[in-house]
Amino acid sequence: EKERLKNLQKSEEQKRIINKYGEQYGKLIVKGEVCLGMTKDMCLEALGYPCKENSSVTGLGKIEVWTYDCFWFEKGLVPNLTHITFTNGKISGITKLSESI
């Protein structure tokens, strides 16, 4: 019974997200994925809060970079990093970095 209720809650959450953001974006969000053009709210739904945020204002408008999957070791901040760049509140770039320690 617990498993059935858990699946029902998951199904309801998927419907809520798809209804809120539309089928194209909603299906990606449910899978924990992002794409160009998504808003910051969509990114938060898909990936949660970033471990690091930077922002600046340029001639193009406000540029923000959110960093995900930060791990701290003796050497400091170490990759398996994903940088999501927002220009004026929408994803304009996705960069994935991977290095070994």
C-alpha atoms as a PDB file:
ATOM      1  CA  GLU A   1       0.000   0.000   0.000  1.00  0.00           C
ATOM      2  CA  LYS A   2       2.861   2.401   0.826  1.00  0.00           C
ATOM      3  CA  GLU A   3       4.441   1.779  -2.588  1.00  0.00           C
ATOM      4  CA  ARG A   4       1.131   2.420  -4.348  1.00  0.00           C
ATOM      5  CA  LEU A   5       0.694   5.718  -2.483  1.00  0.00           C
ATOM      6  CA  LYS A   6       4.286   6.718  -3.258  1.00  0.00           C
ATOM      7  CA  ASN A   7       3.739   6.025  -6.985  1.00  0.00           C
ATOM      8  CA  LEU A   8       0.464   7.961  -6.915  1.00  0.00           C
ATOM      9  CA  GLN A   9       2.176  10.972  -5.308  1.00  0.00           C
ATOM     10  CA  LYS A  10       4.966  10.803  -7.907  1.00  0.00           C
ATOM     11  CA  SER A  11       2.387  10.631 -10.712  1.00  0.00           C
ATOM     12  CA  GLU A  12       0.500  13.626  -9.291  1.00  0.00           C
ATOM     13  CA  GLU A  13       3.745  15.616  -9.011  1.00  0.00           C
ATOM     14  CA  GLN A  14       4.603  14.807 -12.644  1.00  0.00           C
ATOM     15  CA  LYS A  15       1.145  15.989 -13.752  1.00  0.00           C
ATOM     16  CA  ARG A  16       1.537  19.206 -11.743  1.00  0.00           C
ATOM     17  CA  ILE A  17       4.892  19.977 -13.341  1.00  0.00           C
ATOM     18  CA  ILE A  18       3.686  19.232 -16.887  1.00  0.00           C
ATOM     19  CA  ASN A  19       0.543  21.318 -16.338  1.00  0.00           C
ATOM     20  CA  LYS A  20       2.614  24.196 -14.953  1.00  0.00           C
ATOM     21  CA  TYR A  21       5.411  24.255 -17.558  1.00  0.00           C
ATOM     22  CA  GLY A  22       3.904  22.515 -20.595  1.00  0.00           C
ATOM     23  CA  GLU A  23       4.677  19.120 -22.062  1.00  0.00           C
ATOM     24  CA  GLN A  24       8.029  19.973 -23.689  1.00  0.00           C
ATOM     25  CA  TYR A  25       9.667  21.450 -20.602  1.00  0.00           C
ATOM     26  CA  GLY A  26       7.631  19.469 -18.063  1.00  0.00           C
ATOM     27  CA  LYS A  27       8.871  16.074 -19.278  1.00  0.00           C
ATOM     28  CA  LEU A  28      12.494  17.236 -19.045  1.00  0.00           C
ATOM     29  CA  ILE A  29      11.984  18.686 -15.563  1.00  0.00           C
ATOM     30  CA  VAL A  30      10.435  15.429 -14.342  1.00  0.00           C
ATOM     31  CA  LYS A  31      13.582  13.606 -15.557  1.00  0.00           C
ATOM     32  CA  GLY A  32      15.837  16.120 -13.784  1.00  0.00           C
ATOM     33  CA  GLU A  33      17.064  17.664 -17.030  1.00  0.00           C
ATOM     34  CA  VAL A  34      17.323  21.249 -18.287  1.00  0.00           C
ATOM     35  CA  CYS A  35      17.646  22.845 -21.724  1.00  0.00           C
ATOM     36  CA  LEU A  36      18.234  26.233 -23.312  1.00  0.00           C
ATOM     37  CA  GLY A  37      15.356  28.660 -22.843  1.00  0.00           C
ATOM     38  CA  MET A  38      14.173  27.318 -19.485  1.00  0.00           C
ATOM     39  CA  THR A  39      13.588  29.794 -16.672  1.00  0.00           C
ATOM     40  CA  LYS A  40      15.293  29.822 -13.279  1.00  0.00           C
ATOM     41  CA  ASP A  41      12.126  28.378 -11.704  1.00  0.00           C
ATOM     42  CA  MET A  42      12.196  25.477 -14.169  1.00  0.00           C
ATOM     43  CA  CYS A  43      15.849  24.851 -13.378  1.00  0.00           C
ATOM     44  CA  LEU A  44      15.115  24.822  -9.646  1.00  0.00           C
ATOM     45  CA  GLU A  45      12.321  22.277 -10.177  1.00  0.00           C
ATOM     46  CA  ALA A  46      14.610  20.047 -12.259  1.00  0.00           C
ATOM     47  CA  LEU A  47      17.918  20.304 -10.382  1.00  0.00           C
ATOM     48  CA  GLY A  48      17.190  21.927  -7.042  1.00  0.00           C
ATOM     49  CA  TYR A  49      19.255  24.742  -5.602  1.00  0.00           C
ATOM     50  CA  PRO A  50      22.805  25.256  -6.895  1.00  0.00           C
ATOM     51  CA  CYS A  51      25.796  24.950  -4.589  1.00  0.00           C
ATOM     52  CA  LYS A  52      27.225  28.225  -5.938  1.00  0.00           C
ATOM     53  CA  GLU A  53      25.855  31.323  -7.719  1.00  0.00           C
ATOM     54  CA  ASN A  54      27.618  34.219  -9.479  1.00  0.00           C
ATOM     55  CA  SER A  55      26.084  37.163 -11.294  1.00  0.00           C
ATOM     56  CA  SER A  56      27.090  40.247 -13.264  1.00  0.00           C
ATOM     57  CA  VAL A  57      25.459  42.896 -15.400  1.00  0.00           C
ATOM     58  CA  THR A  58      26.668  43.368 -18.977  1.00  0.00           C
ATOM     59  CA  GLY A  59      25.440  45.056 -22.122  1.00  0.00           C
ATOM     60  CA  LEU A  60      23.372  41.898 -22.707  1.00  0.00           C
ATOM     61  CA  GLY A  61      21.618  42.267 -19.367  1.00  0.00           C
ATOM     62  CA  LYS A  62      21.953  40.293 -16.153  1.00  0.00           C
ATOM     63  CA  ILE A  63      24.151  37.206 -16.470  1.00  0.00           C
ATOM     64  CA  GLU A  64      23.999  34.551 -13.747  1.00  0.00           C
ATOM     65  CA  VAL A  65      25.935  31.302 -13.476  1.00  0.00           C
ATOM     66  CA  TRP A  66      24.663  28.537 -11.217  1.00  0.00           C
ATOM     67  CA  THR A  67      27.025  25.686 -10.350  1.00  0.00           C
ATOM     68  CA  TYR A  68      25.801  22.192  -9.513  1.00  0.00           C
ATOM     69  CA  ASP A  69      27.474  19.052  -8.167  1.00  0.00           C
ATOM     70  CA  CYS A  70      30.190  20.732  -6.114  1.00  0.00           C
ATOM     71  CA  PHE A  71      32.310  18.463  -3.997  1.00  0.00           C
ATOM     72  CA  TRP A  72      34.828  19.751  -1.464  1.00  0.00           C
ATOM     73  CA  PHE A  73      38.124  17.941  -0.988  1.00  0.00           C
ATOM     74  CA  GLU A  74      41.496  18.955   0.470  1.00  0.00           C
ATOM     75  CA  LYS A  75      42.336  20.713  -2.801  1.00  0.00           C
ATOM     76  CA  GLY A  76      39.170  22.821  -2.662  1.00  0.00           C
ATOM     77  CA  LEU A  77      36.249  22.810  -5.044  1.00  0.00           C
ATOM     78  CA  VAL A  78      36.549  19.828  -7.381  1.00  0.00           C
ATOM     79  CA  PRO A  79      34.558  19.094 -10.533  1.00  0.00           C
ATOM     80  CA  ASN A  80      32.022  16.951 -11.820  1.00  0.00           C
ATOM     81  CA  LEU A  81      30.546  20.381 -12.281  1.00  0.00           C
ATOM     82  CA  THR A  82      27.659  21.650 -14.298  1.00  0.00           C
ATOM     83  CA  HIS A  83      27.473  25.393 -14.925  1.00  0.00           C
ATOM     84  CA  ILE A  84      24.073  26.727 -15.957  1.00  0.00           C
ATOM     85  CA  THR A  85      24.266  30.238 -17.437  1.00  0.00           C
ATOM     86  CA  PHE A  86      21.194  32.476 -17.410  1.00  0.00           C
ATOM     87  CA  THR A  87      20.813  35.627 -19.468  1.00  0.00           C
ATOM     88  CA  ASN A  88      17.928  37.788 -18.281  1.00  0.00           C
ATOM     89  CA  GLY A  89      16.422  34.878 -16.338  1.00  0.00           C
ATOM     90  CA  LYS A  90      16.544  32.162 -19.022  1.00  0.00           C
ATOM     91  CA  ILE A  91      19.090  29.418 -19.622  1.00  0.00           C
ATOM     92  CA  SER A  92      21.504  30.555 -22.322  1.00  0.00           C
ATOM     93  CA  GLY A  93      24.274  28.010 -21.739  1.00  0.00           C
ATOM     94  CA  ILE A  94      24.962  24.629 -20.149  1.00  0.00           C
ATOM     95  CA  THR A  95      28.563  23.579 -19.523  1.00  0.00           C
ATOM     96  CA  LYS A  96      29.570  20.255 -18.021  1.00  0.00           C
ATOM     97  CA  LEU A  97      33.090  19.864 -16.684  1.00  0.00           C
ATOM     98  CA  SER A  98      34.704  16.703 -15.429  1.00  0.00           C
ATOM     99  CA  GLU A  99      38.189  16.249 -13.996  1.00  0.00           C
ATOM    100  CA  SER A 100      39.867  13.598 -11.941  1.00  0.00           C
ATOM    101  CA  ILE A 101      41.541  14.507  -8.681  1.00  0.00           C
END
